[in-house]
Every structure is written in structure tokens, then in C-alpha cells.
Amino acid sequence: MKEEKKPFNDVIDHFNKIEGNATNPTNAKLKRLPKPLKYFGYFMIGFLLISFLLVIVLNLLD
């Protein structure tokens, strides 16, 4: 059963509605990101991992 969290006060509730802040991290719909944004994220993560591994391998070879 989902528990609805009540806002601390009206100001916080208004801020969350205006700014689009998720009251609960499980509310974030990460699968609904636009495709270009998803692909950019996958590229950045892949690039960082490959770079990290490449640095380690090149340091071991020296």
C-alpha cells in the first residue's frame, strides 16, 4: 500500500508543485526520459568506464 506523505506546510507543498520536486524518490520515472537524453547518459557512463579501465591498463603496462 502506498503511503502519501503530507507536506510539512503549505509553502513546502507549493514549492514541490512549482519546482516539480518528487516527494518520494520512487516517484521518479527514469524510463520515461527522452531517447536522446538516455543515449547521452549511456554514452557518458560508457565513456567514463572505458576511460577508467584504459588508464588502469596503461599504468600497469608502464
PDB file of N, CA and C in Angstrom:
ATOM      1  N   MET A   1       0.835  -1.182   0.000  1.00  0.00           N
ATOM      2  CA  MET A   1       0.000   0.000   0.000  1.00  0.00           C
ATOM      3  C   MET A   1       0.880   1.246   0.000  1.00  0.00           C
ATOM      4  N   LYS A   2       0.546   2.212  -0.861  1.00  0.00           N
ATOM      5  CA  LYS A   2       1.338   3.436  -0.939  1.00  0.00           C
ATOM      6  C   LYS A   2       0.923   4.392   0.162  1.00  0.00           C
ATOM      7  N   GLU A   3       1.940   4.957   0.766  1.00  0.00           N
ATOM      8  CA  GLU A   3       1.717   5.932   1.809  1.00  0.00           C
ATOM      9  C   GLU A   3       1.901   7.317   1.217  1.00  0.00           C
ATOM     10  N   GLU A   4       0.892   8.159   1.300  1.00  0.00           N
ATOM     11  CA  GLU A   4       1.047   9.517   0.813  1.00  0.00           C
ATOM     12  C   GLU A   4       1.633  10.352   1.930  1.00  0.00           C
ATOM     13  N   LYS A   5       2.748  10.996   1.618  1.00  0.00           N
ATOM     14  CA  LYS A   5       3.383  11.858   2.600  1.00  0.00           C
ATOM     15  C   LYS A   5       2.735  13.223   2.534  1.00  0.00           C
ATOM     16  N   LYS A   6       2.330  13.702   3.679  1.00  0.00           N
ATOM     17  CA  LYS A   6       1.731  15.024   3.734  1.00  0.00           C
ATOM     18  C   LYS A   6       2.836  16.068   3.809  1.00  0.00           C
ATOM     19  N   PRO A   7       2.640  17.200   3.138  1.00  0.00           N
ATOM     20  CA  PRO A   7       3.676  18.233   3.168  1.00  0.00           C
ATOM     21  C   PRO A   7       3.838  18.811   4.573  1.00  0.00           C
ATOM     22  N   PHE A   8       5.058  19.302   4.818  1.00  0.00           N
ATOM     23  CA  PHE A   8       5.369  19.901   6.111  1.00  0.00           C
ATOM     24  C   PHE A   8       4.471  21.095   6.372  1.00  0.00           C
ATOM     25  N   ASN A   9       4.315  21.922   5.366  1.00  0.00           N
ATOM     26  CA  ASN A   9       3.389  23.052   5.439  1.00  0.00           C
ATOM     27  C   ASN A   9       2.988  23.446   4.022  1.00  0.00           C
ATOM     28  N   ASP A  10       2.153  24.468   3.895  1.00  0.00           N
ATOM     29  CA  ASP A  10       1.667  24.873   2.573  1.00  0.00           C
ATOM     30  C   ASP A  10       2.775  25.405   1.681  1.00  0.00           C
ATOM     31  N   VAL A  11       3.771  26.043   2.268  1.00  0.00           N
ATOM     32  CA  VAL A  11       4.862  26.601   1.475  1.00  0.00           C
ATOM     33  C   VAL A  11       5.649  25.467   0.818  1.00  0.00           C
ATOM     34  N   ILE A  12       5.957  24.427   1.565  1.00  0.00           N
ATOM     35  CA  ILE A  12       6.692  23.288   1.023  1.00  0.00           C
ATOM     36  C   ILE A  12       5.865  22.597  -0.066  1.00  0.00           C
ATOM     37  N   ASP A  13       4.573  22.457   0.167  1.00  0.00           N
ATOM     38  CA  ASP A  13       3.701  21.836  -0.828  1.00  0.00           C
ATOM     39  C   ASP A  13       3.690  22.655  -2.114  1.00  0.00           C
ATOM     40  N   HIS A  14       3.573  23.970  -1.982  1.00  0.00           N
ATOM     41  CA  HIS A  14       3.580  24.847  -3.154  1.00  0.00           C
ATOM     42  C   HIS A  14       4.925  24.750  -3.884  1.00  0.00           C
ATOM     43  N   PHE A  15       6.021  24.773  -3.138  1.00  0.00           N
ATOM     44  CA  PHE A  15       7.350  24.670  -3.737  1.00  0.00           C
ATOM     45  C   PHE A  15       7.495  23.363  -4.512  1.00  0.00           C
ATOM     46  N   ASN A  16       7.055  22.259  -3.940  1.00  0.00           N
ATOM     47  CA  ASN A  16       7.160  20.961  -4.610  1.00  0.00           C
ATOM     48  C   ASN A  16       6.327  20.925  -5.884  1.00  0.00           C
ATOM     49  N   LYS A  17       5.179  21.558  -5.875  1.00  0.00           N
ATOM     50  CA  LYS A  17       4.331  21.574  -7.075  1.00  0.00           C
ATOM     51  C   LYS A  17       4.929  22.455  -8.159  1.00  0.00           C
ATOM     52  N   ILE A  18       5.458  23.615  -7.772  1.00  0.00           N
ATOM     53  CA  ILE A  18       6.006  24.549  -8.749  1.00  0.00           C
ATOM     54  C   ILE A  18       7.320  24.027  -9.326  1.00  0.00           C
ATOM     55  N   GLU A  19       8.211  23.540  -8.473  1.00  0.00           N
ATOM     56  CA  GLU A  19       9.530  23.090  -8.915  1.00  0.00           C
ATOM     57  C   GLU A  19       9.498  21.680  -9.497  1.00  0.00           C
ATOM     58  N   GLY A  20       8.447  20.949  -9.266  1.00  0.00           N
ATOM     59  CA  GLY A  20       8.355  19.592  -9.783  1.00  0.00           C
ATOM     60  C   GLY A  20       9.180  18.601  -8.985  1.00  0.00           C
ATOM     61  N   ASN A  21       9.437  18.908  -7.735  1.00  0.00           N
ATOM     62  CA  ASN A  21      10.205  18.002  -6.888  1.00  0.00           C
ATOM     63  C   ASN A  21       9.376  16.782  -6.551  1.00  0.00           C
ATOM     64  N   ALA A  22       9.998  15.627  -6.676  1.00  0.00           N
ATOM     65  CA  ALA A  22       9.323  14.390  -6.303  1.00  0.00           C
ATOM     66  C   ALA A  22       9.343  14.279  -4.786  1.00  0.00           C
ATOM     67  N   THR A  23       8.213  13.983  -4.196  1.00  0.00           N
ATOM     68  CA  THR A  23       8.173  13.854  -2.747  1.00  0.00           C
ATOM     69  C   THR A  23       8.822  12.563  -2.302  1.00  0.00           C
ATOM     70  N   ASN A  24       8.903  11.628  -3.220  1.00  0.00           N
ATOM     71  CA  ASN A  24       9.474  10.329  -2.903  1.00  0.00           C
ATOM     72  C   ASN A  24      10.358   9.912  -4.080  1.00  0.00           C
ATOM     73  N   PRO A  25      11.589   9.457  -3.836  1.00  0.00           N
ATOM     74  CA  PRO A  25      12.449   9.091  -4.966  1.00  0.00           C
ATOM     75  C   PRO A  25      11.858   7.999  -5.860  1.00  0.00           C
ATOM     76  N   THR A  26      10.956   7.205  -5.340  1.00  0.00           N
ATOM     77  CA  THR A  26      10.358   6.158  -6.169  1.00  0.00           C
ATOM     78  C   THR A  26       9.383   6.741  -7.185  1.00  0.00           C
ATOM     79  N   ASN A  27       9.031   8.028  -7.028  1.00  0.00           N
ATOM     80  CA  ASN A  27       8.126   8.665  -7.989  1.00  0.00           C
ATOM     81  C   ASN A  27       8.826   9.011  -9.287  1.00  0.00           C
ATOM     82  N   ALA A  28      10.133   9.024  -9.296  1.00  0.00           N
ATOM     83  CA  ALA A  28      10.877   9.401 -10.498  1.00  0.00           C
ATOM     84  C   ALA A  28      10.717   8.312 -11.558  1.00  0.00           C
ATOM     85  N   LYS A  29      10.327   8.726 -12.740  1.00  0.00           N
ATOM     86  CA  LYS A  29      10.121   7.800 -13.849  1.00  0.00           C
ATOM     87  C   LYS A  29      11.328   7.879 -14.772  1.00  0.00           C
ATOM     88  N   LEU A  30      12.383   7.151 -14.434  1.00  0.00           N
ATOM     89  CA  LEU A  30      13.612   7.230 -15.197  1.00  0.00           C
ATOM     90  C   LEU A  30      13.474   6.603 -16.577  1.00  0.00           C
ATOM     91  N   LYS A  31      12.555   5.693 -16.746  1.00  0.00           N
ATOM     92  CA  LYS A  31      12.377   5.047 -18.045  1.00  0.00           C
ATOM     93  C   LYS A  31      11.659   5.961 -19.030  1.00  0.00           C
ATOM     94  N   ARG A  32      11.135   7.067 -18.555  1.00  0.00           N
ATOM     95  CA  ARG A  32      10.389   7.971 -19.426  1.00  0.00           C
ATOM     96  C   ARG A  32      11.220   9.140 -19.925  1.00  0.00           C
ATOM     97  N   LEU A  33      12.528   9.075 -19.754  1.00  0.00           N
ATOM     98  CA  LEU A  33      13.380  10.136 -20.271  1.00  0.00           C
ATOM     99  C   LEU A  33      13.375  10.097 -21.795  1.00  0.00           C
ATOM    100  N   PRO A  34      13.565  11.242 -22.427  1.00  0.00           N
ATOM    101  CA  PRO A  34      13.646  11.248 -23.901  1.00  0.00           C
ATOM    102  C   PRO A  34      14.828  10.408 -24.383  1.00  0.00           C
ATOM    103  N   LYS A  35      14.689   9.811 -25.559  1.00  0.00           N
ATOM    104  CA  LYS A  35      15.733   8.927 -26.089  1.00  0.00           C
ATOM    105  C   LYS A  35      17.088   9.612 -26.208  1.00  0.00           C
ATOM    106  N   PRO A  36      17.164  10.849 -26.732  1.00  0.00           N
ATOM    107  CA  PRO A  36      18.493  11.468 -26.831  1.00  0.00           C
ATOM    108  C   PRO A  36      19.168  11.621 -25.466  1.00  0.00           C
ATOM    109  N   LEU A  37      18.394  11.927 -24.449  1.00  0.00           N
ATOM    110  CA  LEU A  37      18.950  12.081 -23.115  1.00  0.00           C
ATOM    111  C   LEU A  37      19.423  10.741 -22.560  1.00  0.00           C
ATOM    112  N   LYS A  38      18.660   9.695 -22.811  1.00  0.00           N
ATOM    113  CA  LYS A  38      19.064   8.351 -22.385  1.00  0.00           C
ATOM    114  C   LYS A  38      20.360   7.941 -23.062  1.00  0.00           C
ATOM    115  N   TYR A  39      20.429   8.142 -24.380  1.00  0.00           N
ATOM    116  CA  TYR A  39      21.617   7.741 -25.123  1.00  0.00           C
ATOM    117  C   TYR A  39      22.836   8.544 -24.692  1.00  0.00           C
ATOM    118  N   PHE A  40      22.651   9.822 -24.425  1.00  0.00           N
ATOM    119  CA  PHE A  40      23.752  10.648 -23.944  1.00  0.00           C
ATOM    120  C   PHE A  40      24.249  10.127 -22.595  1.00  0.00           C
ATOM    121  N   GLY A  41      23.326   9.760 -21.720  1.00  0.00           N
ATOM    122  CA  GLY A  41      23.705   9.204 -20.428  1.00  0.00           C
ATOM    123  C   GLY A  41      24.450   7.888 -20.579  1.00  0.00           C
ATOM    124  N   TYR A  42      23.964   7.025 -21.455  1.00  0.00           N
ATOM    125  CA  TYR A  42      24.651   5.747 -21.691  1.00  0.00           C
ATOM    126  C   TYR A  42      26.048   5.994 -22.264  1.00  0.00           C
ATOM    127  N   PHE A  43      26.158   6.956 -23.174  1.00  0.00           N
ATOM    128  CA  PHE A  43      27.453   7.276 -23.758  1.00  0.00           C
ATOM    129  C   PHE A  43      28.424   7.779 -22.690  1.00  0.00           C
ATOM    130  N   MET A  44      27.959   8.672 -21.830  1.00  0.00           N
ATOM    131  CA  MET A  44      28.835   9.238 -20.805  1.00  0.00           C
ATOM    132  C   MET A  44      29.291   8.169 -19.818  1.00  0.00           C
ATOM    133  N   ILE A  45      28.389   7.321 -19.390  1.00  0.00           N
ATOM    134  CA  ILE A  45      28.753   6.253 -18.452  1.00  0.00           C
ATOM    135  C   ILE A  45      29.733   5.288 -19.116  1.00  0.00           C
ATOM    136  N   GLY A  46      29.449   4.905 -20.352  1.00  0.00           N
ATOM    137  CA  GLY A  46      30.344   4.008 -21.076  1.00  0.00           C
ATOM    138  C   GLY A  46      31.713   4.631 -21.291  1.00  0.00           C
ATOM    139  N   PHE A  47      31.735   5.909 -21.677  1.00  0.00           N
ATOM    140  CA  PHE A  47      32.993   6.606 -21.893  1.00  0.00           C
ATOM    141  C   PHE A  47      33.814   6.665 -20.614  1.00  0.00           C
ATOM    142  N   LEU A  48      33.166   6.973 -19.500  1.00  0.00           N
ATOM    143  CA  LEU A  48      33.887   7.057 -18.227  1.00  0.00           C
ATOM    144  C   LEU A  48      34.437   5.692 -17.817  1.00  0.00           C
ATOM    145  N   LEU A  49      33.656   4.644 -17.990  1.00  0.00           N
ATOM    146  CA  LEU A  49      34.131   3.306 -17.626  1.00  0.00           C
ATOM    147  C   LEU A  49      35.298   2.864 -18.496  1.00  0.00           C
ATOM    148  N   ILE A  50      35.173   3.070 -19.801  1.00  0.00           N
ATOM    149  CA  ILE A  50      36.249   2.680 -20.711  1.00  0.00           C
ATOM    150  C   ILE A  50      37.506   3.507 -20.439  1.00  0.00           C
ATOM    151  N   SER A  51      37.341   4.797 -20.179  1.00  0.00           N
ATOM    152  CA  SER A  51      38.493   5.651 -19.868  1.00  0.00           C
ATOM    153  C   SER A  51      39.184   5.181 -18.598  1.00  0.00           C
ATOM    154  N   PHE A  52      38.407   4.872 -17.585  1.00  0.00           N
ATOM    155  CA  PHE A  52      38.957   4.414 -16.313  1.00  0.00           C
ATOM    156  C   PHE A  52      39.742   3.115 -16.501  1.00  0.00           C
ATOM    157  N   LEU A  53      39.156   2.185 -17.224  1.00  0.00           N
ATOM    158  CA  LEU A  53      39.849   0.915 -17.475  1.00  0.00           C
ATOM    159  C   LEU A  53      41.099   1.116 -18.323  1.00  0.00           C
ATOM    160  N   LEU A  54      41.024   2.003 -19.297  1.00  0.00           N
ATOM    161  CA  LEU A  54      42.172   2.279 -20.148  1.00  0.00           C
ATOM    162  C   LEU A  54      43.321   2.894 -19.348  1.00  0.00           C
ATOM    163  N   VAL A  55      43.010   3.794 -18.439  1.00  0.00           N
ATOM    164  CA  VAL A  55      44.039   4.409 -17.589  1.00  0.00           C
ATOM    165  C   VAL A  55      44.696   3.346 -16.714  1.00  0.00           C
ATOM    166  N   ILE A  56      43.900   2.464 -16.142  1.00  0.00           N
ATOM    167  CA  ILE A  56      44.459   1.402 -15.293  1.00  0.00           C
ATOM    168  C   ILE A  56      45.370   0.494 -16.106  1.00  0.00           C
ATOM    169  N   VAL A  57      44.939   0.077 -17.279  1.00  0.00           N
ATOM    170  CA  VAL A  57      45.734  -0.833 -18.113  1.00  0.00           C
ATOM    171  C   VAL A  57      47.031  -0.167 -18.553  1.00  0.00           C
ATOM    172  N   LEU A  58      46.949   1.095 -18.978  1.00  0.00           N
ATOM    173  CA  LEU A  58      48.151   1.802 -19.430  1.00  0.00           C
ATOM    174  C   LEU A  58      49.133   2.046 -18.276  1.00  0.00           C
ATOM    175  N   ASN A  59      48.626   2.252 -17.084  1.00  0.00           N
ATOM    176  CA  ASN A  59      49.524   2.408 -15.929  1.00  0.00           C
ATOM    177  C   ASN A  59      50.183   1.089 -15.561  1.00  0.00           C
ATOM    178  N   LEU A  60      49.515  -0.017 -15.759  1.00  0.00           N
ATOM    179  CA  LEU A  60      50.101  -1.316 -15.438  1.00  0.00           C
ATOM    180  C   LEU A  60      51.169  -1.699 -16.461  1.00  0.00           C
ATOM    181  N   LEU A  61      51.025  -1.220 -17.697  1.00  0.00           N
ATOM    182  CA  LEU A  61      51.989  -1.564 -18.736  1.00  0.00           C
ATOM    183  C   LEU A  61      53.312  -0.802 -18.567  1.00  0.00           C
ATOM    184  N   ASP A  62      53.260   0.348 -17.926  1.00  0.00           N
ATOM    185  CA  ASP A  62      54.499   1.148 -17.759  1.00  0.00           C
ATOM    186  C   ASP A  62      55.391   0.601 -16.718  1.00  0.00           C
TER     187      ASP A  62
END
